[in-house]
Amino acid sequence: MKLNHVMFLIVSLSQTAFADQPLTRTTGATAPVTGQRLSAPAVQGGSFKGMFELSPAGSFTVTSSKVTQNLVRMSDGSFQASSIEIPVLTLTTSNALRDDHMKNKYLEARKFPKATLTQLKAKDRKFEGILNLHGVQRKIAGEYELENNTVKAKFPLNLKDYSINVPTYLGVGVEEEANIEVSLPFTKSH
């Protein structure tokens, strides 16, 4: 069964590619499996939202509107992008101290400045791909839907899968699993 590709790329400077799955860069890159050229230039557009539950109670949201991407809807209705990036330093919550701890202590933004989702295959509102976060690459899977000219993707993220220590402060801890949403405007292929 052939799946069409949507590649979300949020590149980490220290990442290495899987031997059989080369990483591509932004503008004009070739899609790894289909070999089709993407003609859309990288643009800033889209948003990221991570919802984190606290234990014993409460929650907080991490957001960024600094998403760089070149998502294209292909003539067959599938989606492709050679890159989608979110700089870790652009992630924010409603709490400055929490932002500082998140970026510097847990995500180590100076060492791992960007998060990356690559080689995403999408069909029938389902996708899978490889997420590079905190220097760790792992396969992920999720669902997406269309809303006007925007793709809205959702997937779970387990912090321990990416060697991120689970934060605790004064007896309040962050749950290991978060719900991630990414909204991306797209262009149509020519």
N, C-alpha and C. Protein backbone atom coordinates (compact mmCIF):
# COMPACT_ATOMS: atom_id res chain seq x y z
N MET A 1 0.85 -1.17 0.00
CA MET A 1 0.00 0.00 0.00
C MET A 1 0.90 1.24 0.00
N LYS A 2 0.71 2.12 -0.95
CA LYS A 2 1.53 3.32 -1.07
C LYS A 2 0.85 4.49 -0.36
N LEU A 3 1.56 5.07 0.59
CA LEU A 3 1.05 6.24 1.29
C LEU A 3 1.72 7.48 0.74
N ASN A 4 0.98 8.54 0.59
CA ASN A 4 1.55 9.82 0.17
C ASN A 4 2.18 10.49 1.38
N HIS A 5 3.12 11.36 1.13
CA HIS A 5 3.91 11.95 2.21
C HIS A 5 3.49 13.35 2.58
N VAL A 6 3.52 13.59 3.87
CA VAL A 6 3.55 14.94 4.42
C VAL A 6 4.75 14.90 5.34
N MET A 7 5.72 15.74 5.13
CA MET A 7 6.90 15.73 6.01
C MET A 7 6.86 16.96 6.89
N PHE A 8 6.83 16.76 8.19
CA PHE A 8 6.93 17.85 9.14
C PHE A 8 8.37 17.85 9.62
N LEU A 9 9.08 18.94 9.40
CA LEU A 9 10.49 18.98 9.76
C LEU A 9 10.75 20.14 10.69
N ILE A 10 11.13 19.82 11.88
CA ILE A 10 11.50 20.81 12.87
C ILE A 10 12.92 20.42 13.26
N VAL A 11 13.93 20.91 12.55
CA VAL A 11 15.28 20.35 12.51
C VAL A 11 16.09 20.69 13.75
N SER A 12 16.74 19.68 14.32
CA SER A 12 17.69 19.85 15.42
C SER A 12 19.08 19.88 14.83
N LEU A 13 19.91 20.82 15.25
CA LEU A 13 21.24 20.95 14.69
C LEU A 13 22.11 19.72 14.94
N SER A 14 21.81 18.96 15.97
CA SER A 14 22.65 17.82 16.30
C SER A 14 22.10 16.49 15.79
N GLN A 15 21.03 16.52 15.03
CA GLN A 15 20.40 15.28 14.63
C GLN A 15 21.17 14.58 13.52
N THR A 16 21.01 13.27 13.45
CA THR A 16 21.51 12.48 12.34
C THR A 16 20.35 11.71 11.77
N ALA A 17 20.40 11.42 10.49
CA ALA A 17 19.29 10.74 9.83
C ALA A 17 19.44 9.23 9.96
N PHE A 18 18.32 8.53 9.88
CA PHE A 18 18.38 7.09 9.76
C PHE A 18 19.03 6.78 8.42
N ALA A 19 19.83 5.73 8.36
CA ALA A 19 20.58 5.43 7.14
C ALA A 19 19.69 5.28 5.92
N ASP A 20 18.50 4.70 6.09
CA ASP A 20 17.61 4.48 4.95
C ASP A 20 16.56 5.58 4.81
N GLN A 21 16.65 6.62 5.62
CA GLN A 21 15.67 7.70 5.58
C GLN A 21 16.38 9.04 5.65
N PRO A 22 16.98 9.52 4.55
CA PRO A 22 17.74 10.77 4.60
C PRO A 22 16.85 11.96 4.91
N LEU A 23 17.40 12.89 5.68
CA LEU A 23 16.68 14.12 5.97
C LEU A 23 16.83 15.05 4.78
N THR A 24 15.86 15.90 4.57
CA THR A 24 15.93 16.89 3.51
C THR A 24 15.87 18.27 4.13
N ARG A 25 16.29 19.26 3.41
CA ARG A 25 16.25 20.63 3.89
C ARG A 25 15.01 21.32 3.33
N THR A 26 14.87 22.61 3.54
CA THR A 26 13.64 23.30 3.21
C THR A 26 13.39 23.47 1.72
N THR A 27 13.50 24.64 1.18
CA THR A 27 13.00 25.00 -0.13
C THR A 27 13.47 24.08 -1.25
N GLY A 28 12.54 23.55 -2.02
CA GLY A 28 12.85 22.77 -3.21
C GLY A 28 13.39 21.38 -2.95
N ALA A 29 13.25 20.86 -1.76
CA ALA A 29 13.79 19.54 -1.47
C ALA A 29 12.96 18.45 -2.13
N THR A 30 13.59 17.32 -2.38
CA THR A 30 12.89 16.19 -2.96
C THR A 30 12.25 15.36 -1.87
N ALA A 31 11.01 14.97 -2.04
CA ALA A 31 10.34 14.12 -1.07
C ALA A 31 11.02 12.75 -1.09
N PRO A 32 11.40 12.18 0.09
CA PRO A 32 12.20 10.98 0.14
C PRO A 32 11.66 9.77 -0.61
N VAL A 33 10.37 9.50 -0.56
CA VAL A 33 9.86 8.29 -1.20
C VAL A 33 9.29 8.55 -2.58
N THR A 34 8.52 9.61 -2.72
CA THR A 34 7.85 9.84 -3.99
C THR A 34 8.77 10.44 -5.03
N GLY A 35 9.82 11.16 -4.60
CA GLY A 35 10.73 11.79 -5.53
C GLY A 35 10.15 13.03 -6.19
N GLN A 36 8.95 13.46 -5.82
CA GLN A 36 8.34 14.64 -6.41
C GLN A 36 9.02 15.89 -5.87
N ARG A 37 9.20 16.89 -6.73
CA ARG A 37 9.78 18.17 -6.29
C ARG A 37 8.68 19.01 -5.65
N LEU A 38 9.03 19.63 -4.55
CA LEU A 38 8.12 20.57 -3.92
C LEU A 38 8.56 21.96 -4.33
N SER A 39 7.66 22.74 -4.87
CA SER A 39 8.03 24.05 -5.37
C SER A 39 7.70 25.18 -4.41
N ALA A 40 7.02 24.90 -3.34
CA ALA A 40 6.64 25.97 -2.41
C ALA A 40 7.83 26.38 -1.55
N PRO A 41 8.10 27.67 -1.47
CA PRO A 41 9.18 28.13 -0.59
C PRO A 41 8.75 28.03 0.87
N ALA A 42 9.73 27.92 1.75
CA ALA A 42 9.43 27.89 3.18
C ALA A 42 8.85 29.23 3.61
N VAL A 43 7.79 29.18 4.40
CA VAL A 43 7.15 30.39 4.91
C VAL A 43 6.90 30.23 6.40
N GLN A 44 6.79 31.35 7.08
CA GLN A 44 6.41 31.30 8.47
C GLN A 44 4.89 31.30 8.51
N GLY A 45 4.33 30.26 9.08
CA GLY A 45 2.88 30.15 9.16
C GLY A 45 2.48 28.88 9.85
N GLY A 46 1.51 28.98 10.70
CA GLY A 46 1.04 27.82 11.43
C GLY A 46 1.21 28.03 12.92
N SER A 47 0.76 27.04 13.67
CA SER A 47 0.86 27.15 15.12
C SER A 47 1.07 25.78 15.74
N PHE A 48 1.65 25.79 16.93
CA PHE A 48 1.92 24.59 17.72
C PHE A 48 1.25 24.78 19.07
N LYS A 49 0.63 23.70 19.58
CA LYS A 49 0.03 23.74 20.91
C LYS A 49 0.23 22.38 21.56
N GLY A 50 0.80 22.38 22.76
CA GLY A 50 0.96 21.16 23.55
C GLY A 50 0.18 21.31 24.84
N MET A 51 -0.68 20.35 25.14
CA MET A 51 -1.48 20.40 26.35
C MET A 51 -0.91 19.39 27.35
N PHE A 52 -0.51 19.90 28.52
CA PHE A 52 0.13 19.09 29.56
C PHE A 52 -0.73 19.08 30.81
N GLU A 53 -0.96 17.89 31.33
CA GLU A 53 -1.72 17.73 32.58
C GLU A 53 -0.73 17.73 33.74
N LEU A 54 -1.16 18.30 34.87
CA LEU A 54 -0.37 18.31 36.08
C LEU A 54 -0.92 17.28 37.06
N SER A 55 -0.04 16.75 37.91
CA SER A 55 -0.46 15.81 38.93
C SER A 55 -0.10 16.42 40.28
N PRO A 56 -1.00 16.59 41.19
CA PRO A 56 -2.28 15.91 41.29
C PRO A 56 -3.41 16.56 40.51
N ALA A 57 -3.33 17.84 40.15
CA ALA A 57 -4.45 18.47 39.43
C ALA A 57 -3.94 19.68 38.66
N GLY A 58 -4.69 20.03 37.62
CA GLY A 58 -4.37 21.22 36.85
C GLY A 58 -3.80 20.87 35.49
N SER A 59 -3.49 21.91 34.71
CA SER A 59 -2.92 21.72 33.39
C SER A 59 -2.31 23.03 32.92
N PHE A 60 -1.53 22.96 31.86
CA PHE A 60 -1.02 24.16 31.21
C PHE A 60 -0.82 23.85 29.74
N THR A 61 -0.72 24.91 28.94
CA THR A 61 -0.56 24.78 27.50
C THR A 61 0.73 25.47 27.07
N VAL A 62 1.46 24.81 26.18
CA VAL A 62 2.67 25.36 25.58
C VAL A 62 2.31 25.71 24.14
N THR A 63 2.67 26.93 23.69
CA THR A 63 2.31 27.35 22.34
C THR A 63 3.50 27.99 21.63
N SER A 64 3.40 28.02 20.30
CA SER A 64 4.32 28.78 19.46
C SER A 64 3.61 29.10 18.16
N SER A 65 3.81 30.31 17.69
CA SER A 65 3.29 30.68 16.37
C SER A 65 4.44 30.88 15.39
N LYS A 66 5.63 30.48 15.77
CA LYS A 66 6.83 30.64 14.93
C LYS A 66 7.14 29.33 14.20
N VAL A 67 6.20 28.87 13.43
CA VAL A 67 6.36 27.63 12.67
C VAL A 67 6.78 27.99 11.25
N THR A 68 7.89 27.42 10.80
CA THR A 68 8.34 27.62 9.43
C THR A 68 8.08 26.34 8.67
N GLN A 69 7.42 26.45 7.51
CA GLN A 69 7.00 25.25 6.79
C GLN A 69 6.70 25.56 5.34
N ASN A 70 6.55 24.50 4.54
CA ASN A 70 6.13 24.66 3.14
C ASN A 70 5.18 23.54 2.74
N LEU A 71 4.10 23.41 3.48
CA LEU A 71 3.12 22.36 3.26
C LEU A 71 2.38 22.59 1.94
N VAL A 72 2.31 21.54 1.13
CA VAL A 72 1.66 21.61 -0.18
C VAL A 72 0.63 20.49 -0.29
N ARG A 73 -0.56 20.84 -0.79
CA ARG A 73 -1.56 19.82 -1.09
C ARG A 73 -1.35 19.39 -2.53
N MET A 74 -1.08 18.12 -2.72
CA MET A 74 -0.80 17.58 -4.03
C MET A 74 -2.10 17.37 -4.81
N SER A 75 -2.00 17.16 -6.11
CA SER A 75 -3.18 17.03 -6.96
C SER A 75 -4.05 15.83 -6.58
N ASP A 76 -3.46 14.81 -5.94
CA ASP A 76 -4.24 13.64 -5.52
C ASP A 76 -4.87 13.81 -4.13
N GLY A 77 -4.73 15.02 -3.54
CA GLY A 77 -5.33 15.29 -2.24
C GLY A 77 -4.42 15.01 -1.06
N SER A 78 -3.26 14.41 -1.31
CA SER A 78 -2.31 14.16 -0.23
C SER A 78 -1.54 15.44 0.08
N PHE A 79 -0.72 15.41 1.11
CA PHE A 79 0.07 16.57 1.50
C PHE A 79 1.53 16.20 1.57
N GLN A 80 2.38 17.19 1.25
CA GLN A 80 3.82 17.04 1.38
C GLN A 80 4.41 18.34 1.87
N ALA A 81 5.50 18.22 2.61
CA ALA A 81 6.28 19.39 3.01
C ALA A 81 7.71 18.91 3.20
N SER A 82 8.65 19.66 2.66
CA SER A 82 10.04 19.26 2.87
C SER A 82 10.54 19.70 4.23
N SER A 83 9.88 20.67 4.85
CA SER A 83 10.30 21.05 6.20
C SER A 83 9.22 21.81 6.95
N ILE A 84 9.19 21.54 8.25
CA ILE A 84 8.36 22.30 9.18
C ILE A 84 9.18 22.39 10.46
N GLU A 85 9.50 23.60 10.88
CA GLU A 85 10.38 23.80 12.03
C GLU A 85 9.72 24.63 13.11
N ILE A 86 10.03 24.29 14.36
CA ILE A 86 9.61 25.11 15.50
C ILE A 86 10.84 25.31 16.39
N PRO A 87 11.33 26.54 16.48
CA PRO A 87 12.44 26.82 17.39
C PRO A 87 11.98 26.67 18.84
N VAL A 88 12.73 25.92 19.63
CA VAL A 88 12.36 25.66 21.02
C VAL A 88 12.24 26.95 21.82
N LEU A 89 13.08 27.94 21.55
CA LEU A 89 13.03 29.20 22.30
C LEU A 89 11.74 29.98 22.07
N THR A 90 10.95 29.62 21.05
CA THR A 90 9.68 30.33 20.81
C THR A 90 8.52 29.72 21.59
N LEU A 91 8.73 28.59 22.27
CA LEU A 91 7.66 27.96 23.05
C LEU A 91 7.37 28.80 24.30
N THR A 92 6.08 29.01 24.56
CA THR A 92 5.70 29.81 25.73
C THR A 92 4.50 29.19 26.45
N THR A 93 4.44 29.48 27.75
CA THR A 93 3.27 29.15 28.57
C THR A 93 2.81 30.46 29.19
N SER A 94 1.92 30.41 30.12
CA SER A 94 1.45 31.64 30.78
C SER A 94 2.29 31.97 32.02
N ASN A 95 3.46 31.33 32.16
CA ASN A 95 4.26 31.49 33.37
C ASN A 95 5.74 31.63 33.00
N ALA A 96 6.35 32.79 33.29
CA ALA A 96 7.73 33.06 32.89
C ALA A 96 8.72 32.09 33.53
N LEU A 97 8.54 31.74 34.80
CA LEU A 97 9.44 30.80 35.46
C LEU A 97 9.33 29.41 34.81
N ARG A 98 8.10 28.99 34.52
CA ARG A 98 7.90 27.69 33.86
C ARG A 98 8.53 27.71 32.47
N ASP A 99 8.39 28.83 31.73
CA ASP A 99 9.02 28.95 30.42
C ASP A 99 10.53 28.78 30.51
N ASP A 100 11.14 29.45 31.49
CA ASP A 100 12.59 29.36 31.66
C ASP A 100 13.02 27.93 31.97
N HIS A 101 12.34 27.27 32.89
CA HIS A 101 12.67 25.88 33.23
C HIS A 101 12.46 24.96 32.02
N MET A 102 11.34 25.14 31.32
CA MET A 102 11.03 24.29 30.16
C MET A 102 12.13 24.40 29.11
N LYS A 103 12.48 25.62 28.75
CA LYS A 103 13.44 25.84 27.67
C LYS A 103 14.87 25.46 28.06
N ASN A 104 15.27 25.82 29.28
CA ASN A 104 16.67 25.66 29.66
C ASN A 104 16.98 24.37 30.41
N LYS A 105 16.13 23.98 31.33
CA LYS A 105 16.41 22.80 32.14
C LYS A 105 15.93 21.50 31.48
N TYR A 106 14.74 21.51 30.92
CA TYR A 106 14.16 20.27 30.41
C TYR A 106 14.38 20.06 28.91
N LEU A 107 14.13 21.06 28.08
CA LEU A 107 14.31 20.91 26.63
C LEU A 107 15.73 21.25 26.18
N GLU A 108 16.52 21.88 27.03
CA GLU A 108 17.91 22.24 26.74
C GLU A 108 18.03 22.93 25.37
N ALA A 109 17.35 24.07 25.26
CA ALA A 109 17.22 24.77 23.98
C ALA A 109 18.55 25.17 23.35
N ARG A 110 19.55 25.45 24.13
CA ARG A 110 20.85 25.81 23.53
C ARG A 110 21.50 24.62 22.85
N LYS A 111 21.31 23.45 23.39
CA LYS A 111 21.87 22.22 22.83
C LYS A 111 20.99 21.65 21.71
N PHE A 112 19.67 21.78 21.88
CA PHE A 112 18.70 21.25 20.91
C PHE A 112 17.73 22.38 20.54
N PRO A 113 18.13 23.30 19.66
CA PRO A 113 17.38 24.53 19.42
C PRO A 113 16.07 24.37 18.66
N LYS A 114 15.88 23.26 17.97
CA LYS A 114 14.65 23.07 17.19
C LYS A 114 14.12 21.66 17.41
N ALA A 115 12.81 21.51 17.26
CA ALA A 115 12.15 20.20 17.27
C ALA A 115 11.79 19.89 15.82
N THR A 116 11.80 18.61 15.44
CA THR A 116 11.66 18.23 14.03
C THR A 116 10.72 17.05 13.84
N LEU A 117 9.77 17.19 12.94
CA LEU A 117 8.93 16.07 12.55
C LEU A 117 9.17 15.85 11.06
N THR A 118 9.71 14.71 10.67
CA THR A 118 10.09 14.45 9.28
C THR A 118 9.39 13.22 8.72
N GLN A 119 9.53 13.09 7.42
CA GLN A 119 9.12 11.89 6.69
C GLN A 119 7.73 11.41 7.07
N LEU A 120 6.85 12.36 7.16
CA LEU A 120 5.48 12.07 7.55
C LEU A 120 4.70 11.55 6.36
N LYS A 121 4.02 10.44 6.51
CA LYS A 121 3.16 9.87 5.48
C LYS A 121 1.72 10.10 5.91
N ALA A 122 0.89 10.62 5.00
CA ALA A 122 -0.48 10.94 5.37
C ALA A 122 -1.46 10.44 4.32
N LYS A 123 -2.51 9.82 4.81
CA LYS A 123 -3.58 9.37 3.93
C LYS A 123 -4.80 9.07 4.78
N ASP A 124 -5.96 9.40 4.26
CA ASP A 124 -7.22 9.10 4.95
C ASP A 124 -7.24 9.60 6.39
N ARG A 125 -6.77 10.83 6.58
CA ARG A 125 -6.80 11.51 7.87
C ARG A 125 -5.89 10.88 8.93
N LYS A 126 -4.97 10.04 8.53
CA LYS A 126 -4.01 9.44 9.46
C LYS A 126 -2.61 9.74 8.95
N PHE A 127 -1.66 9.89 9.89
CA PHE A 127 -0.28 10.12 9.49
C PHE A 127 0.67 9.39 10.41
N GLU A 128 1.88 9.20 9.94
CA GLU A 128 2.97 8.71 10.75
C GLU A 128 4.23 9.40 10.27
N GLY A 129 5.20 9.52 11.14
CA GLY A 129 6.44 10.19 10.78
C GLY A 129 7.48 9.98 11.86
N ILE A 130 8.56 10.74 11.75
CA ILE A 130 9.66 10.65 12.71
C ILE A 130 9.83 12.00 13.38
N LEU A 131 9.72 12.01 14.69
CA LEU A 131 9.89 13.24 15.46
C LEU A 131 11.28 13.25 16.07
N ASN A 132 12.01 14.34 15.84
CA ASN A 132 13.30 14.56 16.48
C ASN A 132 13.10 15.67 17.50
N LEU A 133 13.21 15.29 18.76
CA LEU A 133 13.03 16.23 19.86
C LEU A 133 14.08 15.92 20.90
N HIS A 134 14.77 16.93 21.39
CA HIS A 134 15.76 16.76 22.45
C HIS A 134 16.84 15.76 22.03
N GLY A 135 17.16 15.73 20.72
CA GLY A 135 18.21 14.87 20.20
C GLY A 135 17.82 13.42 20.02
N VAL A 136 16.55 13.08 20.19
CA VAL A 136 16.06 11.70 20.06
C VAL A 136 15.08 11.63 18.91
N GLN A 137 15.25 10.64 18.03
CA GLN A 137 14.32 10.43 16.92
C GLN A 137 13.46 9.21 17.21
N ARG A 138 12.14 9.38 17.07
CA ARG A 138 11.19 8.28 17.29
C ARG A 138 10.04 8.42 16.31
N LYS A 139 9.47 7.28 15.94
CA LYS A 139 8.29 7.29 15.09
C LYS A 139 7.09 7.75 15.91
N ILE A 140 6.22 8.51 15.25
CA ILE A 140 4.96 8.93 15.86
C ILE A 140 3.83 8.63 14.89
N ALA A 141 2.62 8.64 15.39
CA ALA A 141 1.42 8.47 14.56
C ALA A 141 0.33 9.35 15.13
N GLY A 142 -0.55 9.80 14.26
CA GLY A 142 -1.65 10.63 14.71
C GLY A 142 -2.69 10.78 13.62
N GLU A 143 -3.55 11.75 13.80
CA GLU A 143 -4.63 12.01 12.85
C GLU A 143 -4.58 13.46 12.43
N TYR A 144 -5.15 13.74 11.26
CA TYR A 144 -5.27 15.12 10.82
C TYR A 144 -6.63 15.33 10.19
N GLU A 145 -7.03 16.60 10.15
CA GLU A 145 -8.27 16.98 9.47
C GLU A 145 -8.02 18.28 8.73
N LEU A 146 -8.90 18.56 7.79
CA LEU A 146 -8.80 19.78 7.00
C LEU A 146 -9.84 20.78 7.49
N GLU A 147 -9.43 22.03 7.58
CA GLU A 147 -10.35 23.10 7.92
C GLU A 147 -9.97 24.29 7.04
N ASN A 148 -10.78 24.55 6.02
CA ASN A 148 -10.48 25.56 5.01
C ASN A 148 -9.15 25.22 4.36
N ASN A 149 -8.17 26.12 4.39
CA ASN A 149 -6.86 25.85 3.81
C ASN A 149 -5.82 25.54 4.87
N THR A 150 -6.24 24.80 5.90
CA THR A 150 -5.36 24.46 7.02
C THR A 150 -5.46 22.98 7.34
N VAL A 151 -4.30 22.36 7.58
CA VAL A 151 -4.25 20.99 8.08
C VAL A 151 -4.05 21.08 9.58
N LYS A 152 -4.89 20.37 10.34
CA LYS A 152 -4.78 20.33 11.79
C LYS A 152 -4.44 18.90 12.19
N ALA A 153 -3.20 18.72 12.69
CA ALA A 153 -2.72 17.39 13.06
C ALA A 153 -2.67 17.27 14.58
N LYS A 154 -2.96 16.06 15.08
CA LYS A 154 -2.94 15.78 16.52
C LYS A 154 -2.20 14.47 16.75
N PHE A 155 -1.38 14.45 17.82
CA PHE A 155 -0.70 13.22 18.19
C PHE A 155 -0.29 13.28 19.66
N PRO A 156 -0.13 12.11 20.30
CA PRO A 156 0.35 12.08 21.68
C PRO A 156 1.88 12.17 21.70
N LEU A 157 2.42 12.72 22.77
CA LEU A 157 3.86 12.83 22.95
C LEU A 157 4.21 12.41 24.37
N ASN A 158 5.09 11.42 24.50
CA ASN A 158 5.55 10.98 25.81
C ASN A 158 6.92 11.58 26.06
N LEU A 159 7.07 12.37 27.10
CA LEU A 159 8.32 13.07 27.39
C LEU A 159 9.49 12.10 27.58
N LYS A 160 9.27 11.01 28.28
CA LYS A 160 10.35 10.05 28.54
C LYS A 160 10.86 9.40 27.26
N ASP A 161 10.01 9.28 26.24
CA ASP A 161 10.45 8.73 24.95
C ASP A 161 11.56 9.57 24.34
N TYR A 162 11.65 10.84 24.73
CA TYR A 162 12.63 11.76 24.16
C TYR A 162 13.69 12.18 25.19
N SER A 163 13.87 11.34 26.20
CA SER A 163 14.87 11.57 27.25
C SER A 163 14.70 12.93 27.92
N ILE A 164 13.46 13.35 28.07
CA ILE A 164 13.16 14.60 28.78
C ILE A 164 12.70 14.22 30.18
N ASN A 165 13.42 14.72 31.18
CA ASN A 165 13.03 14.46 32.56
C ASN A 165 11.65 15.04 32.81
N VAL A 166 10.82 14.29 33.50
CA VAL A 166 9.47 14.75 33.80
C VAL A 166 9.56 15.78 34.94
N PRO A 167 9.15 17.01 34.67
CA PRO A 167 9.28 18.07 35.66
C PRO A 167 8.40 17.87 36.90
N THR A 168 8.96 18.23 38.06
CA THR A 168 8.20 18.30 39.30
C THR A 168 8.66 19.54 40.05
N TYR A 169 7.73 20.16 40.78
CA TYR A 169 8.05 21.36 41.54
C TYR A 169 7.10 21.44 42.72
N LEU A 170 7.65 21.44 43.93
CA LEU A 170 6.87 21.55 45.17
C LEU A 170 5.72 20.53 45.22
N GLY A 171 6.00 19.31 44.83
CA GLY A 171 5.01 18.25 44.91
C GLY A 171 4.05 18.17 43.74
N VAL A 172 4.18 19.06 42.78
CA VAL A 172 3.32 19.03 41.59
C VAL A 172 4.17 18.56 40.42
N GLY A 173 3.68 17.54 39.72
CA GLY A 173 4.43 16.99 38.60
C GLY A 173 3.67 17.12 37.30
N VAL A 174 4.41 17.05 36.21
CA VAL A 174 3.83 17.06 34.88
C VAL A 174 3.63 15.61 34.45
N GLU A 175 2.47 15.28 33.92
CA GLU A 175 2.23 13.94 33.41
C GLU A 175 3.18 13.66 32.25
N GLU A 176 3.60 12.41 32.08
CA GLU A 176 4.54 12.03 31.03
C GLU A 176 4.00 12.27 29.62
N GLU A 177 2.71 12.05 29.41
CA GLU A 177 2.15 12.16 28.07
C GLU A 177 1.39 13.47 27.88
N ALA A 178 1.67 14.12 26.75
CA ALA A 178 0.99 15.37 26.39
C ALA A 178 0.25 15.17 25.08
N ASN A 179 -0.71 16.02 24.83
CA ASN A 179 -1.44 16.01 23.56
C ASN A 179 -0.95 17.19 22.73
N ILE A 180 -0.49 16.90 21.52
CA ILE A 180 0.09 17.92 20.65
C ILE A 180 -0.84 18.20 19.48
N GLU A 181 -0.97 19.48 19.14
CA GLU A 181 -1.74 19.90 17.97
C GLU A 181 -0.89 20.86 17.15
N VAL A 182 -0.85 20.65 15.85
CA VAL A 182 -0.14 21.53 14.94
C VAL A 182 -1.11 21.93 13.83
N SER A 183 -1.24 23.23 13.60
CA SER A 183 -2.11 23.74 12.53
C SER A 183 -1.23 24.40 11.48
N LEU A 184 -1.40 23.98 10.22
CA LEU A 184 -0.54 24.46 9.15
C LEU A 184 -1.35 24.86 7.93
N PRO A 185 -1.21 26.10 7.47
CA PRO A 185 -1.82 26.47 6.20
C PRO A 185 -1.05 25.78 5.08
N PHE A 186 -1.71 25.54 3.96
CA PHE A 186 -1.03 24.88 2.85
C PHE A 186 -1.32 25.60 1.56
N THR A 187 -0.49 25.31 0.56
CA THR A 187 -0.71 25.79 -0.79
C THR A 187 -1.03 24.58 -1.66
N LYS A 188 -1.55 24.81 -2.85
CA LYS A 188 -1.84 23.72 -3.77
C LYS A 188 -0.71 23.58 -4.76
N SER A 189 -0.39 22.32 -5.13
CA SER A 189 0.69 22.08 -6.08
C SER A 189 0.27 22.56 -7.45
N HIS A 190 1.26 22.83 -8.28
CA HIS A 190 0.99 23.34 -9.64
C HIS A 190 0.93 22.21 -10.62
